[in-house]
């Protein structure tokens, strides 16, 4: 695969770089450099700045407000965003449900939801996992029973990111009991203000509130909010999950993290002499992480350009998430005795609450703790390995015929 950028692509990357240096809200970049957690209002301002440039609807068709980029342009944009230290686009609305509405929604649904997504007037949550249906997502039980012009929703969704600040939620629900569990599943969207929806916070091990349990008790949702055809939800979910798994790559952010890791390691004393950057075992692990990142980058480009094998997205999800965990482990090792430091980073002056900790220790510890889940959510590593194995088994069977 030719990795050489054309002059036009180089000019595009330079324009994106200039935008983040000159036009993007610099106070948001400063907050992140200080290790702060962003509020909903911060994320809204960030996304509105991108949309004002016409750059928010990444992956959307141009007729629905997308930028009309090539796969390489999209990749370059995401690279420059992360290298600039800007927050990623919150994926639930723009990256996940937006393209699904573009592809499978009715014209009325597209007119109703897509403008609010692009303008960041509405935030979305994803209702997939249930207390007894996580990796085995097709075993979900939340029901949607037709009642006139509505569906009545009953059940519970869990590990729901951003439900506490979401305006809408798209859910996989069971509209029909079928012998094959993947059948009879539909996708429907609900206004979070609907009576009967209750959000319960889940505080994770790093002390943050991003996840929630969402209960639906006789929630009445208009039938017109159903995406596509009833019973086709499993197909729509798989289309969405492919985009979700590629979104975990974050090559630019990982590259910036590794560069910062090397910089910080060169300032800390080693175990015996020199600095941590001189420690052979530590330096070897950093170098291996950089090599793995190069391989991930090539795989991402192949997927985006349509050159990848069928199970490549699953293999990529494994590689990306395991590498993310490896990088956070390197940071925790670098932190040494400060690695257990935790603090509420939503407020200014949070560093004053942990004066003994190294400046990087608290946010990197939080990342280490949170990233333990990366190999679980969006399709556990064990599930992805099974998908890869089945694809290889089918390929071998085809070759032997």
Foldseek 3Di string as FASTA:
>chain_A
DDPDDDPVLVVLLVVLLVCLVPPAPVVQLVLVVLVFDDDLVSLLSRLQSCVVVLDNLVPADVVLSHPPDALSSSVSNLLSCQLSSHDDRPCPQRQFVVNLCRVFNDPVVSVPRSVCSSSVVFFEKEFFAAPVAFLVRLQDAWAWEDDPQWTWTFGKGWQIFPLVPGQKYKHWHAHDDDPDSLFRIWIFMDGCVFPQWDWAWDQAPLRDTGIIMIGGDRTIGGPSRTTHDGGCHSVSVVVRLLSVLLVLQSLNNLVSLLVVLLVVQQVAADPPGHGNCPDVVLVVLSVVLVVLSVVLVVLSSCVSNVNDDPLSSLVSSLSSLVSQLSSLVSVLVSQPPQQVDEFNSNDPPGCVVVVPGDSVRHSSSSSNRVSVCSCRHSHHNVRSVVVVVVSVVVVVVVVVD
